[in-house]
Amino acid sequence: MTMPSEPEAAEEYPEAGGGPGPTRRRHQVLTLALVAAAVWAIDLKSKMLAVEHLEWRPPERILDGLVYLQLVRNPGAAFGLATGMTWLLTLIAVGVVVAIVRVAERLRSRGWAVALGLVLGGALGNLTDRVFRYPGIFRGWVVDMISVFAPDGRVWPVFNAADSAICTGGVLLVLLALLGIELDGSRTRKRKSSE
């Protein structure tokens, strides 16, 4: 009985010491998809509840004034920027979704899978508003409902679950990059030290 060479063993049995195999990629793509789907679902449900329970009502104070719930329809980007460029924001969101889907084929890192899943789910959440909400397709206003420290976004702009996921995913991506962790799970510093 002949033993497979080291590269063959690494590909067939990822745990044998080579690079991650197709099974690990499938696991990380599944992780990305599940995180994105969960964020998207939470965002959609929270927006439906906000429209149903907060429209035409004064801000609702919770957590002893730390958070206020109120319905705000945002025609622009985060922090009220680019309010007259809703169509451009829609194109950017579509670009983000396409880029993440294309990168997924190289994905081997669980950290990257979670981070990209958060960004993808958030982008899909806000893109859904841009496509389906008033005033029309690709010009829809995003539903925001969380204001911290004061009502009406006086201290911090009003945001939603999708915005939170995008920011959290972005911070995680920066952290992974600073730690030298690549999409494929390898570490940049180890690679440089071995050259």
N, C-alpha and C. Protein backbone atom coordinates (compact mmCIF):
# COMPACT_ATOMS: atom_id res chain seq x y z
N MET A 1 0.85 -1.19 0.00
CA MET A 1 0.00 0.00 0.00
C MET A 1 0.89 1.24 0.00
N THR A 2 0.64 2.13 -0.95
CA THR A 2 1.45 3.34 -1.03
C THR A 2 0.78 4.48 -0.29
N MET A 3 1.58 5.30 0.31
CA MET A 3 1.08 6.46 1.04
C MET A 3 1.01 7.65 0.09
N PRO A 4 -0.05 8.51 0.20
CA PRO A 4 -0.10 9.69 -0.65
C PRO A 4 1.00 10.67 -0.29
N SER A 5 1.43 11.43 -1.30
CA SER A 5 2.45 12.44 -1.02
C SER A 5 1.87 13.49 -0.10
N GLU A 6 2.73 14.32 0.47
CA GLU A 6 2.28 15.33 1.45
C GLU A 6 1.23 16.29 0.89
N PRO A 7 1.40 16.85 -0.35
CA PRO A 7 0.37 17.75 -0.87
C PRO A 7 -0.97 17.05 -1.07
N GLU A 8 -0.91 15.75 -1.55
CA GLU A 8 -2.16 15.01 -1.75
C GLU A 8 -2.85 14.78 -0.41
N ALA A 9 -2.09 14.40 0.60
CA ALA A 9 -2.66 14.15 1.92
C ALA A 9 -3.26 15.41 2.48
N ALA A 10 -2.61 16.55 2.27
CA ALA A 10 -3.13 17.80 2.80
C ALA A 10 -4.45 18.17 2.15
N GLU A 11 -4.58 17.88 0.84
CA GLU A 11 -5.82 18.25 0.17
C GLU A 11 -6.95 17.29 0.54
N GLU A 12 -6.64 15.99 0.60
CA GLU A 12 -7.68 15.02 0.90
C GLU A 12 -8.05 15.05 2.38
N TYR A 13 -7.06 15.24 3.24
CA TYR A 13 -7.28 15.27 4.68
C TYR A 13 -6.75 16.59 5.22
N PRO A 14 -7.57 17.65 5.27
CA PRO A 14 -7.07 18.96 5.68
C PRO A 14 -6.40 18.96 7.03
N GLU A 15 -6.86 18.08 7.91
CA GLU A 15 -6.28 18.06 9.25
C GLU A 15 -4.88 17.43 9.25
N ALA A 16 -4.45 16.91 8.08
CA ALA A 16 -3.14 16.25 8.01
C ALA A 16 -1.99 17.23 7.93
N GLY A 17 -2.26 18.53 7.88
CA GLY A 17 -1.18 19.48 7.99
C GLY A 17 -1.08 20.46 6.85
N GLY A 18 -1.78 20.29 5.78
CA GLY A 18 -1.71 21.24 4.68
C GLY A 18 -2.74 22.33 4.85
N GLY A 19 -2.99 23.04 3.76
CA GLY A 19 -3.99 24.10 3.78
C GLY A 19 -5.40 23.53 3.94
N PRO A 20 -6.35 24.35 4.33
CA PRO A 20 -7.71 23.90 4.54
C PRO A 20 -8.32 23.37 3.25
N GLY A 21 -9.10 22.31 3.36
CA GLY A 21 -9.73 21.70 2.20
C GLY A 21 -11.11 22.26 1.92
N PRO A 22 -11.77 21.65 0.92
CA PRO A 22 -13.09 22.13 0.51
C PRO A 22 -14.13 22.07 1.62
N THR A 23 -13.99 21.09 2.53
CA THR A 23 -14.96 20.98 3.61
C THR A 23 -14.91 22.20 4.51
N ARG A 24 -13.71 22.65 4.82
CA ARG A 24 -13.57 23.83 5.68
C ARG A 24 -14.15 25.07 5.00
N ARG A 25 -13.93 25.18 3.68
CA ARG A 25 -14.51 26.31 2.93
C ARG A 25 -16.02 26.26 2.99
N ARG A 26 -16.60 25.08 2.81
CA ARG A 26 -18.07 24.95 2.88
C ARG A 26 -18.58 25.36 4.25
N HIS A 27 -17.87 24.97 5.30
CA HIS A 27 -18.29 25.35 6.67
C HIS A 27 -18.28 26.86 6.85
N GLN A 28 -17.25 27.52 6.34
CA GLN A 28 -17.15 28.97 6.52
C GLN A 28 -18.17 29.71 5.66
N VAL A 29 -18.42 29.20 4.45
CA VAL A 29 -19.46 29.80 3.60
C VAL A 29 -20.82 29.64 4.27
N LEU A 30 -21.05 28.48 4.88
CA LEU A 30 -22.31 28.26 5.60
C LEU A 30 -22.41 29.21 6.79
N THR A 31 -21.30 29.40 7.51
CA THR A 31 -21.29 30.35 8.63
C THR A 31 -21.63 31.75 8.15
N LEU A 32 -21.01 32.18 7.06
CA LEU A 32 -21.29 33.50 6.48
C LEU A 32 -22.78 33.61 6.14
N ALA A 33 -23.32 32.59 5.47
CA ALA A 33 -24.72 32.63 5.05
C ALA A 33 -25.67 32.67 6.25
N LEU A 34 -25.38 31.89 7.28
CA LEU A 34 -26.26 31.87 8.46
C LEU A 34 -26.23 33.19 9.22
N VAL A 35 -25.02 33.76 9.38
CA VAL A 35 -24.91 35.05 10.05
C VAL A 35 -25.66 36.12 9.25
N ALA A 36 -25.45 36.14 7.93
CA ALA A 36 -26.13 37.13 7.08
C ALA A 36 -27.64 36.97 7.15
N ALA A 37 -28.12 35.73 7.09
CA ALA A 37 -29.56 35.48 7.13
C ALA A 37 -30.15 35.91 8.47
N ALA A 38 -29.43 35.64 9.57
CA ALA A 38 -29.92 36.03 10.90
C ALA A 38 -30.00 37.55 11.02
N VAL A 39 -28.94 38.24 10.57
CA VAL A 39 -28.94 39.71 10.63
C VAL A 39 -30.07 40.28 9.78
N TRP A 40 -30.22 39.76 8.58
CA TRP A 40 -31.27 40.23 7.66
C TRP A 40 -32.65 40.04 8.28
N ALA A 41 -32.88 38.85 8.86
CA ALA A 41 -34.18 38.56 9.48
C ALA A 41 -34.45 39.48 10.68
N ILE A 42 -33.45 39.66 11.54
CA ILE A 42 -33.61 40.54 12.71
C ILE A 42 -33.89 41.96 12.26
N ASP A 43 -33.16 42.42 11.24
CA ASP A 43 -33.35 43.77 10.74
C ASP A 43 -34.76 43.96 10.17
N LEU A 44 -35.20 43.02 9.33
CA LEU A 44 -36.53 43.13 8.73
C LEU A 44 -37.62 43.12 9.79
N LYS A 45 -37.51 42.21 10.75
CA LYS A 45 -38.54 42.10 11.79
C LYS A 45 -38.55 43.36 12.66
N SER A 46 -37.37 43.86 13.03
CA SER A 46 -37.34 45.06 13.89
C SER A 46 -37.91 46.27 13.15
N LYS A 47 -37.69 46.36 11.85
CA LYS A 47 -38.25 47.47 11.08
C LYS A 47 -39.78 47.34 10.96
N MET A 48 -40.26 46.12 10.76
CA MET A 48 -41.72 45.93 10.70
C MET A 48 -42.37 46.32 12.03
N LEU A 49 -41.75 45.92 13.14
CA LEU A 49 -42.28 46.28 14.46
C LEU A 49 -42.21 47.79 14.69
N ALA A 50 -41.13 48.41 14.25
CA ALA A 50 -40.98 49.86 14.42
C ALA A 50 -42.08 50.60 13.67
N VAL A 51 -42.33 50.20 12.42
CA VAL A 51 -43.38 50.86 11.63
C VAL A 51 -44.74 50.63 12.27
N GLU A 52 -44.95 49.42 12.78
CA GLU A 52 -46.25 49.08 13.38
C GLU A 52 -46.49 49.80 14.71
N HIS A 53 -45.47 49.91 15.54
CA HIS A 53 -45.68 50.40 16.91
C HIS A 53 -45.15 51.81 17.19
N LEU A 54 -44.29 52.35 16.33
CA LEU A 54 -43.67 53.64 16.65
C LEU A 54 -44.11 54.79 15.74
N GLU A 55 -44.73 54.47 14.62
CA GLU A 55 -45.10 55.54 13.69
C GLU A 55 -46.11 56.50 14.32
N TRP A 56 -45.86 57.81 14.13
CA TRP A 56 -46.71 58.90 14.63
C TRP A 56 -46.78 58.93 16.15
N ARG A 57 -45.79 58.37 16.82
CA ARG A 57 -45.77 58.39 18.29
C ARG A 57 -44.50 59.06 18.77
N PRO A 58 -44.53 59.65 19.97
CA PRO A 58 -43.31 60.27 20.50
C PRO A 58 -42.27 59.20 20.84
N PRO A 59 -41.01 59.57 20.94
CA PRO A 59 -39.96 58.60 21.28
C PRO A 59 -40.28 57.86 22.57
N GLU A 60 -40.00 56.57 22.57
CA GLU A 60 -40.23 55.73 23.75
C GLU A 60 -38.92 55.55 24.50
N ARG A 61 -38.90 56.02 25.75
CA ARG A 61 -37.68 55.99 26.56
C ARG A 61 -37.54 54.63 27.24
N ILE A 62 -36.38 53.98 27.04
CA ILE A 62 -36.13 52.70 27.72
C ILE A 62 -34.72 52.71 28.32
N LEU A 63 -34.45 51.74 29.17
CA LEU A 63 -33.16 51.61 29.84
C LEU A 63 -32.75 52.91 30.53
N ASP A 64 -33.72 53.50 31.21
CA ASP A 64 -33.50 54.71 32.00
C ASP A 64 -32.92 55.86 31.16
N GLY A 65 -33.38 55.95 29.92
CA GLY A 65 -32.96 57.04 29.05
C GLY A 65 -31.70 56.78 28.26
N LEU A 66 -31.11 55.60 28.42
CA LEU A 66 -29.93 55.26 27.63
C LEU A 66 -30.29 55.09 26.16
N VAL A 67 -31.50 54.56 25.91
CA VAL A 67 -31.97 54.30 24.55
C VAL A 67 -33.37 54.87 24.39
N TYR A 68 -33.63 55.43 23.22
CA TYR A 68 -34.97 55.89 22.84
C TYR A 68 -35.35 55.19 21.55
N LEU A 69 -36.57 54.67 21.52
CA LEU A 69 -37.07 54.06 20.30
C LEU A 69 -37.99 55.04 19.60
N GLN A 70 -37.69 55.35 18.36
CA GLN A 70 -38.53 56.24 17.58
C GLN A 70 -38.33 55.95 16.10
N LEU A 71 -39.37 56.14 15.33
CA LEU A 71 -39.31 55.85 13.90
C LEU A 71 -38.77 57.05 13.14
N VAL A 72 -37.72 56.81 12.37
CA VAL A 72 -37.14 57.84 11.51
C VAL A 72 -36.93 57.19 10.14
N ARG A 73 -37.36 57.87 9.10
CA ARG A 73 -37.14 57.37 7.73
C ARG A 73 -35.98 58.16 7.13
N ASN A 74 -34.93 57.46 6.80
CA ASN A 74 -33.67 58.08 6.40
C ASN A 74 -33.45 57.94 4.89
N PRO A 75 -33.49 59.06 4.14
CA PRO A 75 -33.24 58.97 2.70
C PRO A 75 -31.75 58.93 2.36
N GLY A 76 -30.89 59.11 3.35
CA GLY A 76 -29.45 59.18 3.08
C GLY A 76 -28.70 58.00 3.66
N ALA A 77 -27.41 58.21 3.82
CA ALA A 77 -26.54 57.18 4.40
C ALA A 77 -26.49 57.39 5.91
N ALA A 78 -25.60 56.66 6.55
CA ALA A 78 -25.42 56.81 7.99
C ALA A 78 -25.04 58.25 8.31
N PHE A 79 -25.46 58.72 9.46
CA PHE A 79 -25.17 60.06 9.95
C PHE A 79 -25.82 61.15 9.09
N GLY A 80 -26.85 60.77 8.32
CA GLY A 80 -27.59 61.75 7.52
C GLY A 80 -26.82 62.27 6.31
N LEU A 81 -25.75 61.58 5.90
CA LEU A 81 -24.96 62.02 4.76
C LEU A 81 -25.61 61.57 3.45
N ALA A 82 -25.34 62.27 2.39
CA ALA A 82 -25.75 61.91 1.02
C ALA A 82 -27.26 61.72 0.89
N THR A 83 -28.03 62.62 1.49
CA THR A 83 -29.49 62.47 1.46
C THR A 83 -30.07 62.57 0.06
N GLY A 84 -29.43 63.24 -0.86
CA GLY A 84 -29.96 63.35 -2.21
C GLY A 84 -29.41 62.30 -3.16
N MET A 85 -28.68 61.31 -2.64
CA MET A 85 -28.02 60.34 -3.51
C MET A 85 -28.45 58.91 -3.17
N THR A 86 -29.74 58.71 -2.95
CA THR A 86 -30.25 57.40 -2.56
C THR A 86 -29.91 56.34 -3.61
N TRP A 87 -30.02 56.68 -4.89
CA TRP A 87 -29.73 55.72 -5.96
C TRP A 87 -28.27 55.27 -5.91
N LEU A 88 -27.36 56.19 -5.58
CA LEU A 88 -25.94 55.84 -5.50
C LEU A 88 -25.70 54.92 -4.30
N LEU A 89 -26.36 55.19 -3.18
CA LEU A 89 -26.23 54.33 -2.01
C LEU A 89 -26.73 52.92 -2.31
N THR A 90 -27.79 52.83 -3.12
CA THR A 90 -28.32 51.53 -3.53
C THR A 90 -27.28 50.78 -4.36
N LEU A 91 -26.65 51.47 -5.31
CA LEU A 91 -25.62 50.83 -6.14
C LEU A 91 -24.43 50.37 -5.30
N ILE A 92 -24.05 51.18 -4.31
CA ILE A 92 -22.95 50.79 -3.42
C ILE A 92 -23.32 49.54 -2.64
N ALA A 93 -24.55 49.48 -2.12
CA ALA A 93 -25.00 48.30 -1.37
C ALA A 93 -24.99 47.06 -2.26
N VAL A 94 -25.45 47.20 -3.50
CA VAL A 94 -25.42 46.07 -4.44
C VAL A 94 -23.97 45.63 -4.68
N GLY A 95 -23.07 46.59 -4.84
CA GLY A 95 -21.66 46.28 -5.03
C GLY A 95 -21.07 45.53 -3.85
N VAL A 96 -21.43 45.93 -2.64
CA VAL A 96 -20.94 45.25 -1.43
C VAL A 96 -21.42 43.80 -1.41
N VAL A 97 -22.70 43.60 -1.71
CA VAL A 97 -23.27 42.24 -1.71
C VAL A 97 -22.55 41.37 -2.74
N VAL A 98 -22.37 41.88 -3.95
CA VAL A 98 -21.70 41.12 -5.02
C VAL A 98 -20.26 40.81 -4.62
N ALA A 99 -19.55 41.78 -4.07
CA ALA A 99 -18.15 41.57 -3.67
C ALA A 99 -18.03 40.48 -2.61
N ILE A 100 -18.92 40.51 -1.62
CA ILE A 100 -18.85 39.49 -0.55
C ILE A 100 -19.16 38.10 -1.11
N VAL A 101 -20.14 38.01 -1.98
CA VAL A 101 -20.48 36.71 -2.57
C VAL A 101 -19.30 36.18 -3.39
N ARG A 102 -18.61 37.05 -4.10
CA ARG A 102 -17.46 36.61 -4.90
C ARG A 102 -16.28 36.20 -4.02
N VAL A 103 -16.08 36.88 -2.91
CA VAL A 103 -14.96 36.57 -2.00
C VAL A 103 -15.21 35.24 -1.28
N ALA A 104 -16.47 34.87 -1.13
CA ALA A 104 -16.83 33.67 -0.35
C ALA A 104 -16.15 32.41 -0.85
N GLU A 105 -15.83 32.33 -2.14
CA GLU A 105 -15.20 31.12 -2.67
C GLU A 105 -13.79 30.90 -2.14
N ARG A 106 -13.15 31.96 -1.64
CA ARG A 106 -11.79 31.84 -1.07
C ARG A 106 -11.81 31.76 0.46
N LEU A 107 -12.97 31.76 1.05
CA LEU A 107 -13.12 31.89 2.50
C LEU A 107 -12.76 30.60 3.24
N ARG A 108 -11.84 30.72 4.21
CA ARG A 108 -11.48 29.57 5.06
C ARG A 108 -11.44 29.96 6.54
N SER A 109 -11.57 31.23 6.83
CA SER A 109 -11.45 31.73 8.21
C SER A 109 -12.83 31.97 8.82
N ARG A 110 -13.05 31.41 10.01
CA ARG A 110 -14.34 31.61 10.68
C ARG A 110 -14.53 33.08 11.06
N GLY A 111 -13.48 33.76 11.51
CA GLY A 111 -13.58 35.17 11.85
C GLY A 111 -14.02 36.01 10.66
N TRP A 112 -13.40 35.76 9.50
CA TRP A 112 -13.78 36.48 8.28
C TRP A 112 -15.22 36.12 7.89
N ALA A 113 -15.60 34.87 8.07
CA ALA A 113 -16.97 34.45 7.73
C ALA A 113 -17.99 35.21 8.56
N VAL A 114 -17.75 35.33 9.85
CA VAL A 114 -18.67 36.05 10.73
C VAL A 114 -18.70 37.53 10.37
N ALA A 115 -17.53 38.12 10.20
CA ALA A 115 -17.45 39.55 9.89
C ALA A 115 -18.15 39.87 8.56
N LEU A 116 -17.85 39.09 7.54
CA LEU A 116 -18.49 39.32 6.23
C LEU A 116 -19.98 39.02 6.28
N GLY A 117 -20.37 38.04 7.09
CA GLY A 117 -21.79 37.75 7.26
C GLY A 117 -22.54 38.91 7.89
N LEU A 118 -21.91 39.56 8.87
CA LEU A 118 -22.52 40.74 9.50
C LEU A 118 -22.69 41.87 8.48
N VAL A 119 -21.64 42.13 7.71
CA VAL A 119 -21.70 43.20 6.71
C VAL A 119 -22.72 42.86 5.62
N LEU A 120 -22.72 41.61 5.16
CA LEU A 120 -23.66 41.19 4.11
C LEU A 120 -25.10 41.29 4.59
N GLY A 121 -25.38 40.79 5.80
CA GLY A 121 -26.74 40.87 6.34
C GLY A 121 -27.20 42.30 6.50
N GLY A 122 -26.31 43.17 6.98
CA GLY A 122 -26.65 44.59 7.14
C GLY A 122 -26.90 45.26 5.81
N ALA A 123 -26.03 44.96 4.83
CA ALA A 123 -26.21 45.55 3.49
C ALA A 123 -27.52 45.10 2.88
N LEU A 124 -27.86 43.82 3.04
CA LEU A 124 -29.13 43.31 2.50
C LEU A 124 -30.33 43.95 3.20
N GLY A 125 -30.21 44.17 4.50
CA GLY A 125 -31.29 44.80 5.25
C GLY A 125 -31.60 46.20 4.76
N ASN A 126 -30.57 47.02 4.63
CA ASN A 126 -30.79 48.39 4.15
C ASN A 126 -31.12 48.43 2.66
N LEU A 127 -30.56 47.49 1.89
CA LEU A 127 -30.88 47.41 0.46
C LEU A 127 -32.35 47.05 0.26
N THR A 128 -32.89 46.21 1.12
CA THR A 128 -34.31 45.86 1.04
C THR A 128 -35.17 47.11 1.18
N ASP A 129 -34.81 47.98 2.11
CA ASP A 129 -35.54 49.25 2.26
C ASP A 129 -35.40 50.11 1.00
N ARG A 130 -34.18 50.19 0.48
CA ARG A 130 -33.94 51.03 -0.71
C ARG A 130 -34.79 50.56 -1.91
N VAL A 131 -35.01 49.26 -1.99
CA VAL A 131 -35.75 48.71 -3.13
C VAL A 131 -37.26 48.77 -2.92
N PHE A 132 -37.74 48.49 -1.71
CA PHE A 132 -39.17 48.28 -1.52
C PHE A 132 -39.92 49.40 -0.80
N ARG A 133 -39.23 50.34 -0.19
CA ARG A 133 -39.94 51.36 0.57
C ARG A 133 -40.14 52.65 -0.21
N TYR A 134 -40.99 53.51 0.33
CA TYR A 134 -41.29 54.81 -0.25
C TYR A 134 -40.00 55.64 -0.34
N PRO A 135 -39.78 56.41 -1.38
CA PRO A 135 -40.70 56.82 -2.45
C PRO A 135 -40.65 55.97 -3.71
N GLY A 136 -39.83 54.90 -3.77
CA GLY A 136 -39.83 54.05 -4.95
C GLY A 136 -38.59 53.20 -5.05
N ILE A 137 -38.60 52.34 -6.06
CA ILE A 137 -37.51 51.38 -6.26
C ILE A 137 -36.17 52.11 -6.42
N PHE A 138 -35.19 51.63 -5.66
CA PHE A 138 -33.82 52.18 -5.61
C PHE A 138 -33.74 53.57 -5.00
N ARG A 139 -34.86 54.10 -4.53
CA ARG A 139 -34.86 55.42 -3.89
C ARG A 139 -35.51 55.36 -2.51
N GLY A 140 -35.82 54.15 -2.05
CA GLY A 140 -36.53 54.00 -0.78
C GLY A 140 -35.75 54.51 0.42
N TRP A 141 -36.51 54.98 1.39
CA TRP A 141 -35.90 55.50 2.62
C TRP A 141 -35.74 54.36 3.62
N VAL A 142 -34.59 54.34 4.28
CA VAL A 142 -34.29 53.30 5.27
C VAL A 142 -34.99 53.61 6.58
N VAL A 143 -35.56 52.58 7.21
CA VAL A 143 -36.22 52.73 8.50
C VAL A 143 -35.18 52.61 9.61
N ASP A 144 -35.05 53.65 10.41
CA ASP A 144 -34.18 53.66 11.59
C ASP A 144 -35.07 53.79 12.82
N MET A 145 -34.60 53.28 13.96
CA MET A 145 -35.46 53.34 15.15
C MET A 145 -34.74 53.40 16.50
N ILE A 146 -33.42 53.42 16.52
CA ILE A 146 -32.70 53.42 17.80
C ILE A 146 -31.92 54.73 17.94
N SER A 147 -32.22 55.47 18.99
CA SER A 147 -31.50 56.71 19.29
C SER A 147 -30.89 56.55 20.68
N VAL A 148 -29.59 56.76 20.81
CA VAL A 148 -28.96 56.56 22.11
C VAL A 148 -28.69 57.88 22.82
N PHE A 149 -28.87 57.85 24.12
CA PHE A 149 -28.60 58.96 25.06
C PHE A 149 -29.62 60.10 25.00
N ALA A 150 -30.29 60.28 23.87
CA ALA A 150 -31.30 61.34 23.74
C ALA A 150 -32.19 61.02 22.54
N PRO A 151 -33.41 61.52 22.53
CA PRO A 151 -34.27 61.28 21.37
C PRO A 151 -33.83 62.11 20.16
N ASP A 152 -34.40 61.79 19.02
CA ASP A 152 -34.19 62.55 17.78
C ASP A 152 -32.75 62.55 17.28
N GLY A 153 -31.93 61.65 17.74
CA GLY A 153 -30.56 61.60 17.27
C GLY A 153 -29.72 62.80 17.66
N ARG A 154 -30.06 63.44 18.77
CA ARG A 154 -29.34 64.65 19.18
C ARG A 154 -27.91 64.36 19.60
N VAL A 155 -27.66 63.18 20.18
CA VAL A 155 -26.31 62.83 20.62
C VAL A 155 -25.61 61.95 19.59
N TRP A 156 -26.33 61.00 19.04
CA TRP A 156 -25.80 60.07 18.05
C TRP A 156 -26.88 59.82 17.02
N PRO A 157 -26.56 59.72 15.74
CA PRO A 157 -27.61 59.53 14.72
C PRO A 157 -28.46 58.29 14.98
N VAL A 158 -29.73 58.38 14.64
CA VAL A 158 -30.65 57.26 14.80
C VAL A 158 -30.22 56.15 13.83
N PHE A 159 -30.25 54.89 14.29
CA PHE A 159 -29.77 53.78 13.47
C PHE A 159 -30.68 52.58 13.60
N ASN A 160 -30.32 51.49 12.94
CA ASN A 160 -31.12 50.26 12.98
C ASN A 160 -30.21 49.05 13.16
N ALA A 161 -30.80 47.85 13.15
CA ALA A 161 -30.02 46.63 13.35
C ALA A 161 -29.01 46.42 12.22
N ALA A 162 -29.39 46.76 10.99
CA ALA A 162 -28.48 46.59 9.86
C ALA A 162 -27.24 47.47 10.03
N ASP A 163 -27.45 48.72 10.44
CA ASP A 163 -26.32 49.62 10.67
C ASP A 163 -25.39 49.07 11.74
N SER A 164 -25.97 48.55 12.81
CA SER A 164 -25.16 47.96 13.90
C SER A 164 -24.34 46.79 13.39
N ALA A 165 -24.95 45.94 12.57
CA ALA A 165 -24.23 44.77 12.05
C ALA A 165 -23.10 45.20 11.12
N ILE A 166 -23.36 46.19 10.27
CA ILE A 166 -22.32 46.66 9.35
C ILE A 166 -21.14 47.24 10.12
N CYS A 167 -21.42 48.04 11.14
CA CYS A 167 -20.34 48.64 11.95
C CYS A 167 -19.57 47.57 12.71
N THR A 168 -20.28 46.62 13.32
CA THR A 168 -19.63 45.55 14.07
C THR A 168 -18.77 44.70 13.15
N GLY A 169 -19.33 44.34 11.97
CA GLY A 169 -18.57 43.57 11.00
C GLY A 169 -17.35 44.33 10.52
N GLY A 170 -17.48 45.62 10.29
CA GLY A 170 -16.36 46.44 9.85
C GLY A 170 -15.24 46.48 10.87
N VAL A 171 -15.61 46.64 12.14
CA VAL A 171 -14.60 46.64 13.21
C VAL A 171 -13.89 45.29 13.28
N LEU A 172 -14.66 44.22 13.15
CA LEU A 172 -14.08 42.88 13.18
C LEU A 172 -13.13 42.66 11.99
N LEU A 173 -13.50 43.17 10.82
CA LEU A 173 -12.62 43.05 9.64
C LEU A 173 -11.29 43.78 9.87
N VAL A 174 -11.37 44.98 10.45
CA VAL A 174 -10.15 45.74 10.74
C VAL A 174 -9.29 44.98 11.75
N LEU A 175 -9.92 44.43 12.78
CA LEU A 175 -9.20 43.67 13.80
C LEU A 175 -8.50 42.45 13.18
N LEU A 176 -9.21 41.72 12.31
CA LEU A 176 -8.62 40.56 11.65
C LEU A 176 -7.42 40.98 10.79
N ALA A 177 -7.56 42.09 10.09
CA ALA A 177 -6.46 42.59 9.26
C ALA A 177 -5.26 42.98 10.13
N LEU A 178 -5.52 43.65 11.26
CA LEU A 178 -4.43 44.05 12.16
C LEU A 178 -3.73 42.83 12.76
N LEU A 179 -4.48 41.76 12.99
CA LEU A 179 -3.90 40.54 13.54
C LEU A 179 -3.19 39.72 12.47
N GLY A 180 -3.33 40.15 11.20
CA GLY A 180 -2.67 39.44 10.11
C GLY A 180 -3.37 38.17 9.68
N ILE A 181 -4.65 38.04 9.98
CA ILE A 181 -5.41 36.85 9.59
C ILE A 181 -6.01 37.08 8.21
N GLU A 182 -5.69 36.18 7.30
CA GLU A 182 -6.14 36.30 5.91
C GLU A 182 -7.48 35.58 5.71
N LEU A 183 -8.09 35.81 4.55
CA LEU A 183 -9.35 35.14 4.19
C LEU A 183 -9.24 33.63 4.29
N ASP A 184 -8.08 33.09 3.91
CA ASP A 184 -7.90 31.64 3.91
C ASP A 184 -7.50 31.08 5.28
N GLY A 185 -7.48 31.94 6.28
CA GLY A 185 -7.15 31.49 7.63
C GLY A 185 -5.67 31.55 7.96
N SER A 186 -4.82 31.81 6.97
CA SER A 186 -3.39 31.90 7.23
C SER A 186 -3.08 33.23 7.92
N ARG A 187 -1.87 33.30 8.47
CA ARG A 187 -1.45 34.52 9.15
C ARG A 187 -0.34 35.18 8.35
N THR A 188 -0.48 36.47 8.08
CA THR A 188 0.50 37.21 7.30
C THR A 188 1.87 37.19 7.95
N ARG A 189 1.94 37.37 9.27
CA ARG A 189 3.23 37.43 9.97
C ARG A 189 3.98 36.11 9.85
N LYS A 190 3.25 35.00 9.97
CA LYS A 190 3.91 33.69 9.86
C LYS A 190 4.47 33.51 8.45
N ARG A 191 3.68 33.93 7.46
CA ARG A 191 4.12 33.80 6.07
C ARG A 191 5.37 34.61 5.84
N LYS A 192 5.43 35.86 6.36
CA LYS A 192 6.61 36.71 6.17
C LYS A 192 7.83 36.14 6.88
N SER A 193 7.62 35.57 8.06
CA SER A 193 8.77 35.04 8.81
C SER A 193 9.33 33.78 8.16
N SER A 194 8.53 33.05 7.38
CA SER A 194 9.01 31.82 6.76
C SER A 194 9.71 32.10 5.43
N GLU A 195 9.58 33.34 4.89
CA GLU A 195 10.21 33.65 3.59
C GLU A 195 11.69 33.95 3.76
